[in-house]
Amino acid sequence: MINAQRRGARAVFAGDILHHPVQVIRPDIPFFVDEDPAAACVTRRNLLAQCADLDAVMFPAHFPEPAGGRVRRGSQGFSYQFV
């Protein structure tokens, strides 16, 4: 993961932390490529919380183009708004 900031705007390049948009909604479900499924779920949840709290634009490496978006926190968990 790489964090970038310029003039108050923030971006997070998520690398392999997320592989599919459904993981935003269900970060607690292990994915077949997770080497340590429990740790991967915690890492995904922490990344999503950080992006939501900072209003950062996230760039997941494996989402369909255009991949960039903002994570929002709601009563049911997280959601993703592509930008």
PDB file of N, CA and C in Angstrom:
ATOM      1  N   MET A   1       0.841  -1.167   0.000  1.00  0.00           N
ATOM      2  CA  MET A   1       0.000   0.000   0.000  1.00  0.00           C
ATOM      3  C   MET A   1       0.892   1.237   0.000  1.00  0.00           C
ATOM      4  N   ILE A   2       0.477   2.204  -0.789  1.00  0.00           N
ATOM      5  CA  ILE A   2       1.195   3.475  -0.856  1.00  0.00           C
ATOM      6  C   ILE A   2       0.203   4.594  -0.574  1.00  0.00           C
ATOM      7  N   ASN A   3       0.560   5.479   0.336  1.00  0.00           N
ATOM      8  CA  ASN A   3      -0.245   6.658   0.651  1.00  0.00           C
ATOM      9  C   ASN A   3       0.400   7.868  -0.001  1.00  0.00           C
ATOM     10  N   ALA A   4      -0.419   8.703  -0.615  1.00  0.00           N
ATOM     11  CA  ALA A   4       0.087   9.921  -1.239  1.00  0.00           C
ATOM     12  C   ALA A   4      -0.797  11.094  -0.819  1.00  0.00           C
ATOM     13  N   GLN A   5      -0.188  12.259  -0.732  1.00  0.00           N
ATOM     14  CA  GLN A   5      -0.941  13.448  -0.357  1.00  0.00           C
ATOM     15  C   GLN A   5      -0.363  14.652  -1.079  1.00  0.00           C
ATOM     16  N   ARG A   6      -1.277  15.517  -1.540  1.00  0.00           N
ATOM     17  CA  ARG A   6      -0.849  16.757  -2.170  1.00  0.00           C
ATOM     18  C   ARG A   6      -1.909  17.810  -1.905  1.00  0.00           C
ATOM     19  N   ARG A   7      -1.496  18.909  -1.298  1.00  0.00           N
ATOM     20  CA  ARG A   7      -2.394  20.023  -0.989  1.00  0.00           C
ATOM     21  C   ARG A   7      -3.663  19.552  -0.280  1.00  0.00           C
ATOM     22  N   GLY A   8      -3.513  18.627   0.629  1.00  0.00           N
ATOM     23  CA  GLY A   8      -4.644  18.147   1.415  1.00  0.00           C
ATOM     24  C   GLY A   8      -5.412  17.003   0.796  1.00  0.00           C
ATOM     25  N   ALA A   9      -5.283  16.793  -0.511  1.00  0.00           N
ATOM     26  CA  ALA A   9      -5.957  15.669  -1.163  1.00  0.00           C
ATOM     27  C   ALA A   9      -5.144  14.401  -0.916  1.00  0.00           C
ATOM     28  N   ARG A  10      -5.837  13.312  -0.644  1.00  0.00           N
ATOM     29  CA  ARG A  10      -5.162  12.061  -0.328  1.00  0.00           C
ATOM     30  C   ARG A  10      -5.537  10.966  -1.329  1.00  0.00           C
ATOM     31  N   ALA A  11      -4.575  10.092  -1.577  1.00  0.00           N
ATOM     32  CA  ALA A  11      -4.803   8.916  -2.419  1.00  0.00           C
ATOM     33  C   ALA A  11      -4.115   7.719  -1.776  1.00  0.00           C
ATOM     34  N   VAL A  12      -4.727   6.569  -1.939  1.00  0.00           N
ATOM     35  CA  VAL A  12      -4.158   5.321  -1.426  1.00  0.00           C
ATOM     36  C   VAL A  12      -4.119   4.333  -2.582  1.00  0.00           C
ATOM     37  N   PHE A  13      -2.950   3.808  -2.855  1.00  0.00           N
ATOM     38  CA  PHE A  13      -2.774   2.788  -3.878  1.00  0.00           C
ATOM     39  C   PHE A  13      -2.731   1.447  -3.138  1.00  0.00           C
ATOM     40  N   ALA A  14      -3.807   0.661  -3.278  1.00  0.00           N
ATOM     41  CA  ALA A  14      -4.059  -0.492  -2.416  1.00  0.00           C
ATOM     42  C   ALA A  14      -3.329  -1.763  -2.812  1.00  0.00           C
ATOM     43  N   GLY A  15      -2.726  -1.806  -3.974  1.00  0.00           N
ATOM     44  CA  GLY A  15      -1.999  -3.016  -4.368  1.00  0.00           C
ATOM     45  C   GLY A  15      -2.878  -4.253  -4.339  1.00  0.00           C
ATOM     46  N   ASP A  16      -2.402  -5.309  -3.683  1.00  0.00           N
ATOM     47  CA  ASP A  16      -3.116  -6.587  -3.641  1.00  0.00           C
ATOM     48  C   ASP A  16      -4.007  -6.762  -2.417  1.00  0.00           C
ATOM     49  N   ILE A  17      -4.307  -5.698  -1.703  1.00  0.00           N
ATOM     50  CA  ILE A  17      -5.139  -5.827  -0.507  1.00  0.00           C
ATOM     51  C   ILE A  17      -6.577  -6.162  -0.883  1.00  0.00           C
ATOM     52  N   LEU A  18      -7.058  -5.599  -1.986  1.00  0.00           N
ATOM     53  CA  LEU A  18      -8.405  -5.882  -2.490  1.00  0.00           C
ATOM     54  C   LEU A  18      -8.294  -6.451  -3.893  1.00  0.00           C
ATOM     55  N   HIS A  19      -9.088  -7.475  -4.179  1.00  0.00           N
ATOM     56  CA  HIS A  19      -9.051  -8.107  -5.495  1.00  0.00           C
ATOM     57  C   HIS A  19     -10.349  -7.961  -6.274  1.00  0.00           C
ATOM     58  N   HIS A  20     -11.430  -7.669  -5.568  1.00  0.00           N
ATOM     59  CA  HIS A  20     -12.740  -7.582  -6.209  1.00  0.00           C
ATOM     60  C   HIS A  20     -13.597  -6.575  -5.444  1.00  0.00           C
ATOM     61  N   PRO A  21     -14.433  -5.796  -6.145  1.00  0.00           N
ATOM     62  CA  PRO A  21     -15.268  -4.806  -5.457  1.00  0.00           C
ATOM     63  C   PRO A  21     -16.156  -5.383  -4.355  1.00  0.00           C
ATOM     64  N   VAL A  22     -16.537  -6.630  -4.454  1.00  0.00           N
ATOM     65  CA  VAL A  22     -17.382  -7.223  -3.402  1.00  0.00           C
ATOM     66  C   VAL A  22     -16.663  -7.244  -2.051  1.00  0.00           C
ATOM     67  N   GLN A  23     -15.335  -7.215  -2.065  1.00  0.00           N
ATOM     68  CA  GLN A  23     -14.573  -7.204  -0.819  1.00  0.00           C
ATOM     69  C   GLN A  23     -14.745  -5.898  -0.046  1.00  0.00           C
ATOM     70  N   VAL A  24     -15.210  -4.846  -0.700  1.00  0.00           N
ATOM     71  CA  VAL A  24     -15.512  -3.606   0.015  1.00  0.00           C
ATOM     72  C   VAL A  24     -16.722  -3.840   0.918  1.00  0.00           C
ATOM     73  N   ILE A  25     -17.700  -4.529   0.392  1.00  0.00           N
ATOM     74  CA  ILE A  25     -18.929  -4.803   1.139  1.00  0.00           C
ATOM     75  C   ILE A  25     -18.701  -5.904   2.177  1.00  0.00           C
ATOM     76  N   ARG A  26     -17.891  -6.894   1.832  1.00  0.00           N
ATOM     77  CA  ARG A  26     -17.628  -8.022   2.728  1.00  0.00           C
ATOM     78  C   ARG A  26     -16.111  -8.245   2.890  1.00  0.00           C
ATOM     79  N   PRO A  27     -15.437  -7.322   3.589  1.00  0.00           N
ATOM     80  CA  PRO A  27     -13.985  -7.487   3.780  1.00  0.00           C
ATOM     81  C   PRO A  27     -13.643  -8.666   4.688  1.00  0.00           C
ATOM     82  N   ASP A  28     -14.654  -9.217   5.349  1.00  0.00           N
ATOM     83  CA  ASP A  28     -14.453 -10.308   6.299  1.00  0.00           C
ATOM     84  C   ASP A  28     -14.417 -11.686   5.649  1.00  0.00           C
ATOM     85  N   ILE A  29     -14.682 -11.770   4.363  1.00  0.00           N
ATOM     86  CA  ILE A  29     -14.677 -13.067   3.685  1.00  0.00           C
ATOM     87  C   ILE A  29     -13.295 -13.306   3.076  1.00  0.00           C
ATOM     88  N   PRO A  30     -12.632 -14.406   3.471  1.00  0.00           N
ATOM     89  CA  PRO A  30     -11.316 -14.716   2.887  1.00  0.00           C
ATOM     90  C   PRO A  30     -11.414 -14.926   1.374  1.00  0.00           C
ATOM     91  N   PHE A  31     -10.344 -14.560   0.691  1.00  0.00           N
ATOM     92  CA  PHE A  31     -10.253 -14.714  -0.759  1.00  0.00           C
ATOM     93  C   PHE A  31      -9.224 -15.801  -1.039  1.00  0.00           C
ATOM     94  N   PHE A  32      -9.379 -16.540  -2.119  1.00  0.00           N
ATOM     95  CA  PHE A  32      -8.545 -17.712  -2.356  1.00  0.00           C
ATOM     96  C   PHE A  32      -7.047 -17.425  -2.430  1.00  0.00           C
ATOM     97  N   VAL A  33      -6.638 -16.198  -2.694  1.00  0.00           N
ATOM     98  CA  VAL A  33      -5.216 -15.878  -2.771  1.00  0.00           C
ATOM     99  C   VAL A  33      -4.633 -15.368  -1.449  1.00  0.00           C
ATOM    100  N   ASP A  34      -5.459 -15.241  -0.423  1.00  0.00           N
ATOM    101  CA  ASP A  34      -4.972 -14.776   0.876  1.00  0.00           C
ATOM    102  C   ASP A  34      -4.065 -15.836   1.505  1.00  0.00           C
ATOM    103  N   GLU A  35      -2.814 -15.476   1.742  1.00  0.00           N
ATOM    104  CA  GLU A  35      -1.893 -16.419   2.395  1.00  0.00           C
ATOM    105  C   GLU A  35      -2.253 -16.627   3.856  1.00  0.00           C
ATOM    106  N   ASP A  36      -2.678 -15.574   4.527  1.00  0.00           N
ATOM    107  CA  ASP A  36      -3.137 -15.636   5.916  1.00  0.00           C
ATOM    108  C   ASP A  36      -4.538 -15.018   5.925  1.00  0.00           C
ATOM    109  N   PRO A  37      -5.575 -15.836   5.744  1.00  0.00           N
ATOM    110  CA  PRO A  37      -6.925 -15.302   5.586  1.00  0.00           C
ATOM    111  C   PRO A  37      -7.388 -14.384   6.719  1.00  0.00           C
ATOM    112  N   ALA A  38      -7.120 -14.739   7.953  1.00  0.00           N
ATOM    113  CA  ALA A  38      -7.564 -13.907   9.078  1.00  0.00           C
ATOM    114  C   ALA A  38      -6.885 -12.539   9.039  1.00  0.00           C
ATOM    115  N   ALA A  39      -5.574 -12.520   8.816  1.00  0.00           N
ATOM    116  CA  ALA A  39      -4.831 -11.258   8.750  1.00  0.00           C
ATOM    117  C   ALA A  39      -5.265 -10.432   7.540  1.00  0.00           C
ATOM    118  N   ALA A  40      -5.545 -11.083   6.420  1.00  0.00           N
ATOM    119  CA  ALA A  40      -5.975 -10.372   5.209  1.00  0.00           C
ATOM    120  C   ALA A  40      -7.300  -9.669   5.438  1.00  0.00           C
ATOM    121  N   CYS A  41      -8.223 -10.314   6.126  1.00  0.00           N
ATOM    122  CA  CYS A  41      -9.527  -9.705   6.417  1.00  0.00           C
ATOM    123  C   CYS A  41      -9.368  -8.477   7.310  1.00  0.00           C
ATOM    124  N   VAL A  42      -8.511  -8.574   8.311  1.00  0.00           N
ATOM    125  CA  VAL A  42      -8.247  -7.432   9.196  1.00  0.00           C
ATOM    126  C   VAL A  42      -7.599  -6.294   8.402  1.00  0.00           C
ATOM    127  N   THR A  43      -6.647  -6.622   7.549  1.00  0.00           N
ATOM    128  CA  THR A  43      -5.967  -5.608   6.734  1.00  0.00           C
ATOM    129  C   THR A  43      -6.946  -4.909   5.813  1.00  0.00           C
ATOM    130  N   ARG A  44      -7.830  -5.658   5.163  1.00  0.00           N
ATOM    131  CA  ARG A  44      -8.829  -5.044   4.282  1.00  0.00           C
ATOM    132  C   ARG A  44      -9.731  -4.090   5.062  1.00  0.00           C
ATOM    133  N   ARG A  45     -10.214  -4.541   6.211  1.00  0.00           N
ATOM    134  CA  ARG A  45     -11.103  -3.713   7.026  1.00  0.00           C
ATOM    135  C   ARG A  45     -10.392  -2.427   7.463  1.00  0.00           C
ATOM    136  N   ASN A  46      -9.132  -2.553   7.873  1.00  0.00           N
ATOM    137  CA  ASN A  46      -8.359  -1.370   8.300  1.00  0.00           C
ATOM    138  C   ASN A  46      -8.137  -0.400   7.138  1.00  0.00           C
ATOM    139  N   LEU A  47      -7.822  -0.916   5.965  1.00  0.00           N
ATOM    140  CA  LEU A  47      -7.633  -0.071   4.784  1.00  0.00           C
ATOM    141  C   LEU A  47      -8.914   0.684   4.453  1.00  0.00           C
ATOM    142  N   LEU A  48     -10.032  -0.013   4.448  1.00  0.00           N
ATOM    143  CA  LEU A  48     -11.305   0.623   4.123  1.00  0.00           C
ATOM    144  C   LEU A  48     -11.648   1.712   5.141  1.00  0.00           C
ATOM    145  N   ALA A  49     -11.420   1.433   6.409  1.00  0.00           N
ATOM    146  CA  ALA A  49     -11.693   2.429   7.458  1.00  0.00           C
ATOM    147  C   ALA A  49     -10.807   3.654   7.278  1.00  0.00           C
ATOM    148  N   GLN A  50      -9.525   3.427   6.984  1.00  0.00           N
ATOM    149  CA  GLN A  50      -8.597   4.540   6.782  1.00  0.00           C
ATOM    150  C   GLN A  50      -9.038   5.396   5.599  1.00  0.00           C
ATOM    151  N   CYS A  51      -9.382   4.768   4.488  1.00  0.00           N
ATOM    152  CA  CYS A  51      -9.795   5.530   3.304  1.00  0.00           C
ATOM    153  C   CYS A  51     -11.083   6.309   3.569  1.00  0.00           C
ATOM    154  N   ALA A  52     -12.028   5.693   4.266  1.00  0.00           N
ATOM    155  CA  ALA A  52     -13.286   6.380   4.585  1.00  0.00           C
ATOM    156  C   ALA A  52     -13.037   7.556   5.526  1.00  0.00           C
ATOM    157  N   ASP A  53     -12.234   7.340   6.548  1.00  0.00           N
ATOM    158  CA  ASP A  53     -11.979   8.394   7.541  1.00  0.00           C
ATOM    159  C   ASP A  53     -11.221   9.578   6.954  1.00  0.00           C
ATOM    160  N   LEU A  54     -10.324   9.313   6.004  1.00  0.00           N
ATOM    161  CA  LEU A  54      -9.500  10.375   5.404  1.00  0.00           C
ATOM    162  C   LEU A  54     -10.095  10.952   4.126  1.00  0.00           C
ATOM    163  N   ASP A  55     -11.217  10.383   3.659  1.00  0.00           N
ATOM    164  CA  ASP A  55     -11.820  10.769   2.382  1.00  0.00           C
ATOM    165  C   ASP A  55     -10.805  10.654   1.249  1.00  0.00           C
ATOM    166  N   ALA A  56      -9.989   9.622   1.316  1.00  0.00           N
ATOM    167  CA  ALA A  56      -8.948   9.406   0.308  1.00  0.00           C
ATOM    168  C   ALA A  56      -9.533   8.718  -0.921  1.00  0.00           C
ATOM    169  N   VAL A  57      -8.997   9.037  -2.075  1.00  0.00           N
ATOM    170  CA  VAL A  57      -9.329   8.293  -3.286  1.00  0.00           C
ATOM    171  C   VAL A  57      -8.466   7.038  -3.269  1.00  0.00           C
ATOM    172  N   MET A  58      -9.122   5.895  -3.390  1.00  0.00           N
ATOM    173  CA  MET A  58      -8.399   4.619  -3.365  1.00  0.00           C
ATOM    174  C   MET A  58      -8.263   4.096  -4.797  1.00  0.00           C
ATOM    175  N   PHE A  59      -7.094   3.543  -5.088  1.00  0.00           N
ATOM    176  CA  PHE A  59      -6.809   2.950  -6.392  1.00  0.00           C
ATOM    177  C   PHE A  59      -6.449   1.483  -6.190  1.00  0.00           C
ATOM    178  N   PRO A  60      -7.447   0.586  -6.200  1.00  0.00           N
ATOM    179  CA  PRO A  60      -7.153  -0.840  -6.088  1.00  0.00           C
ATOM    180  C   PRO A  60      -6.580  -1.356  -7.416  1.00  0.00           C
ATOM    181  N   ALA A  61      -5.580  -2.189  -7.337  1.00  0.00           N
ATOM    182  CA  ALA A  61      -4.908  -2.673  -8.543  1.00  0.00           C
ATOM    183  C   ALA A  61      -5.778  -3.597  -9.392  1.00  0.00           C
ATOM    184  N   HIS A  62      -6.765  -4.257  -8.794  1.00  0.00           N
ATOM    185  CA  HIS A  62      -7.492  -5.303  -9.509  1.00  0.00           C
ATOM    186  C   HIS A  62      -8.952  -4.971  -9.816  1.00  0.00           C
ATOM    187  N   PHE A  63      -9.402  -3.752  -9.530  1.00  0.00           N
ATOM    188  CA  PHE A  63     -10.772  -3.383  -9.853  1.00  0.00           C
ATOM    189  C   PHE A  63     -10.846  -3.017 -11.329  1.00  0.00           C
ATOM    190  N   PRO A  64     -12.036  -3.110 -11.928  1.00  0.00           N
ATOM    191  CA  PRO A  64     -12.162  -2.728 -13.341  1.00  0.00           C
ATOM    192  C   PRO A  64     -11.918  -1.229 -13.525  1.00  0.00           C
ATOM    193  N   GLU A  65     -11.450  -0.874 -14.693  1.00  0.00           N
ATOM    194  CA  GLU A  65     -11.184   0.526 -15.019  1.00  0.00           C
ATOM    195  C   GLU A  65     -12.491   1.279 -15.217  1.00  0.00           C
ATOM    196  N   PRO A  66     -12.587   2.497 -14.799  1.00  0.00           N
ATOM    197  CA  PRO A  66     -11.624   3.224 -13.987  1.00  0.00           C
ATOM    198  C   PRO A  66     -11.740   2.776 -12.532  1.00  0.00           C
ATOM    199  N   ALA A  67     -10.648   2.395 -11.941  1.00  0.00           N
ATOM    200  CA  ALA A  67     -10.655   1.746 -10.628  1.00  0.00           C
ATOM    201  C   ALA A  67     -10.767   2.708  -9.457  1.00  0.00           C
ATOM    202  N   GLY A  68     -10.343   3.939  -9.616  1.00  0.00           N
ATOM    203  CA  GLY A  68     -10.313   4.881  -8.505  1.00  0.00           C
ATOM    204  C   GLY A  68     -11.685   5.172  -7.941  1.00  0.00           C
ATOM    205  N   GLY A  69     -11.743   5.298  -6.629  1.00  0.00           N
ATOM    206  CA  GLY A  69     -13.017   5.609  -6.004  1.00  0.00           C
ATOM    207  C   GLY A  69     -12.853   5.991  -4.542  1.00  0.00           C
ATOM    208  N   ARG A  70     -13.968   6.339  -3.941  1.00  0.00           N
ATOM    209  CA  ARG A  70     -13.977   6.712  -2.517  1.00  0.00           C
ATOM    210  C   ARG A  70     -14.756   5.675  -1.727  1.00  0.00           C
ATOM    211  N   VAL A  71     -14.220   5.333  -0.581  1.00  0.00           N
ATOM    212  CA  VAL A  71     -14.867   4.416   0.335  1.00  0.00           C
ATOM    213  C   VAL A  71     -15.755   5.227   1.258  1.00  0.00           C
ATOM    214  N   ARG A  72     -16.983   4.778   1.430  1.00  0.00           N
ATOM    215  CA  ARG A  72     -17.927   5.431   2.329  1.00  0.00           C
ATOM    216  C   ARG A  72     -18.325   4.437   3.415  1.00  0.00           C
ATOM    217  N   ARG A  73     -18.471   4.965   4.623  1.00  0.00           N
ATOM    218  CA  ARG A  73     -18.903   4.146   5.748  1.00  0.00           C
ATOM    219  C   ARG A  73     -20.391   4.412   5.973  1.00  0.00           C
ATOM    220  N   GLY A  74     -21.169   3.337   6.099  1.00  0.00           N
ATOM    221  CA  GLY A  74     -22.594   3.470   6.354  1.00  0.00           C
ATOM    222  C   GLY A  74     -23.031   2.536   7.469  1.00  0.00           C
ATOM    223  N   SER A  75     -24.316   2.524   7.749  1.00  0.00           N
ATOM    224  CA  SER A  75     -24.836   1.692   8.833  1.00  0.00           C
ATOM    225  C   SER A  75     -24.668   0.200   8.555  1.00  0.00           C
ATOM    226  N   GLN A  76     -24.572  -0.171   7.286  1.00  0.00           N
ATOM    227  CA  GLN A  76     -24.410  -1.570   6.905  1.00  0.00           C
ATOM    228  C   GLN A  76     -22.945  -1.947   6.629  1.00  0.00           C
ATOM    229  N   GLY A  77     -22.025  -1.022   6.814  1.00  0.00           N
ATOM    230  CA  GLY A  77     -20.606  -1.288   6.529  1.00  0.00           C
ATOM    231  C   GLY A  77     -20.084  -0.284   5.515  1.00  0.00           C
ATOM    232  N   PHE A  78     -19.246  -0.766   4.611  1.00  0.00           N
ATOM    233  CA  PHE A  78     -18.597   0.108   3.633  1.00  0.00           C
ATOM    234  C   PHE A  78     -19.263   0.006   2.270  1.00  0.00           C
ATOM    235  N   SER A  79     -19.133   1.072   1.483  1.00  0.00           N
ATOM    236  CA  SER A  79     -19.539   1.070   0.092  1.00  0.00           C
ATOM    237  C   SER A  79     -18.445   1.767  -0.713  1.00  0.00           C
ATOM    238  N   TYR A  80     -18.531   1.673  -2.043  1.00  0.00           N
ATOM    239  CA  TYR A  80     -17.492   2.219  -2.909  1.00  0.00           C
ATOM    240  C   TYR A  80     -18.145   3.031  -4.012  1.00  0.00           C
ATOM    241  N   GLN A  81     -17.649   4.251  -4.196  1.00  0.00           N
ATOM    242  CA  GLN A  81     -18.129   5.126  -5.259  1.00  0.00           C
ATOM    243  C   GLN A  81     -16.992   5.362  -6.250  1.00  0.00           C
ATOM    244  N   PHE A  82     -17.091   4.755  -7.423  1.00  0.00           N
ATOM    245  CA  PHE A  82     -16.073   4.974  -8.444  1.00  0.00           C
ATOM    246  C   PHE A  82     -16.086   6.438  -8.844  1.00  0.00           C
ATOM    247  N   VAL A  83     -14.881   7.002  -9.083  1.00  0.00           N
ATOM    248  CA  VAL A  83     -14.793   8.395  -9.517  1.00  0.00           C
ATOM    249  C   VAL A  83     -14.308   8.478 -10.937  1.00  0.00           C
TER     250      VAL A  83
END
